[in-house]
């Protein structure tokens, strides 16, 4: 009995060394991201660009997005061509102005390369807005990281930049534009990058099929296509006008709170129509799902009828002993998870986010981040039971932008025989759709040349001519006393941000009253100019940037 404590002590002492004898336990897991990657001697040479991309995200929501496009730099380079995995476009998807040979989509095409490959991407575009490509998670030279203002200048329209790096880190990674990220990613500039490891030592074994699920979010008010397509107005480098010296940048409010929720670029029911998003399996399959969150919300992936084993996080494999099983997987913004599942429960099954409000279209269910995991023999049984129709949310009416208003008149005051103050005179002009107004000028000039120098009409006190502007509700907007030969801009805000002067304006007739408290003979020239935006996109930008009042059916 005296030997037992010694034996127990020896056994306990050997436990920490067990990994040294090739047991395959957690202690023997020797993975370090990117370590030991050897150059393959092969180069993936691609060209990339950005184009406008029209997409019907769900029934009733037509959007104006932007898309990354990729093509082999040399069309005969089959090795590079095979790295570009496109998404099957639906009927409502259209790349606008894409050159032949490019694959364009939202999300952007998946780039699948080998660890150790040299990656060269020649990026150029004629899109109005500046862009970069950030290789999220990959170990690249600092000046190929795509960080605007840090590692490079933003690539403006007509410009170019070549990225080159060795794909050292393997796993599920991604790429995205890093200019005004809160807007450009929401507009569609993101995609998955898969780097296949040189060794399958830490890969899940026996995988039969692989799927990709990319979560993303948008704000409907920003991407809605209700008017003319992108106008790309002239302005400064960020794509937005420089108002009165204010630096050009996208306002934080432009992106807005996410209210559109997508899987692989579409919302239910269109997720069911895209072959990459409807997960079709067979009994006995072992499947791998690469999950990526390009959105701004935390999602919770839940497959019905099955559990998921998490085998990799942010591209990095987990040790066998560290892998874990879940039926709900929480995925934060920019995170990636690789999970494996065994198909041992035949049937048609939902797979969706368990954040219930993200399974909606325009706040209505069912929609959003929702699709199906279905066994092949059950494809005809997916819709055999009655339920609510998929949520639609058509835009009510197109926003019809008014034509610019230029209106002027001359008000005559008194005459040579008048010996008393004249009766006030009125004039009006119509303001439409306040949130579509870029700038407005109202000017009143007192013409001194018509003032009498002598005669029956007394020389006027030049502080007695007044002009008052009232809004359609009768409230005084501005009131001024005029002096001769000195233009008085009562409502002169041309070139200033709308929020400084137009916030609170209402649509309707603005009434101008010209009055005098003494007899005189003069003229008052009145001038009104309302400059409206030229496109729906400009209106949205100005409306959101400057906090102008809402328009019926606009917000």
Foldseek 3Di string as FASTA:
>chain_A
DVCVVVVVVVVVVCVVVPLVVVPLDQSVDDDDFLPPQAAPPAAQEKEKEKFWKWADQDFFFIFTFMKMKIAGPDNVPVLNRVQWAAFDHDPGIDTPPDDPRIHIDFQYTEGEEAQNYKYKYKYAYQDQAFWFKAFFPFDAPQLQRQADPGNDPTAGGGGIDMHIGGRRGAFKTKMFTNALLLPNVLRRGIYIYGYHYPDCPLPDPDADEEAEKEKAFFARLQTGDQWDHDPQDDDDRRSAHQFPNNDDDFDPCNRPDTQAIAIRRHKPPCLAVTPRNAAEDAAFHKYKYKYFYQYQAKWKKAKPPWKKWWQAKNGHGRRPVPIDIDRIDIAHHGIITMIIIHRHDAAKIKIFTPPVQQCADVSHPRMHGIHINHYPVHPVVNPPDDDDDHDHDHQDHRDDWDDKDKDKDKDWAADQPDFWWDDKDKDKDWDPDLLQFAFKWKKKAWACVFWDPDHNFDRDDQQFKKKWKAAPVRHTLFIDGYGHPDMDTGQGQPSHQCLVGQAPGDGTMIMMIITGGGHTTIMMMIIMITHGDDILNSSSSSCSVRVHDDDVSND
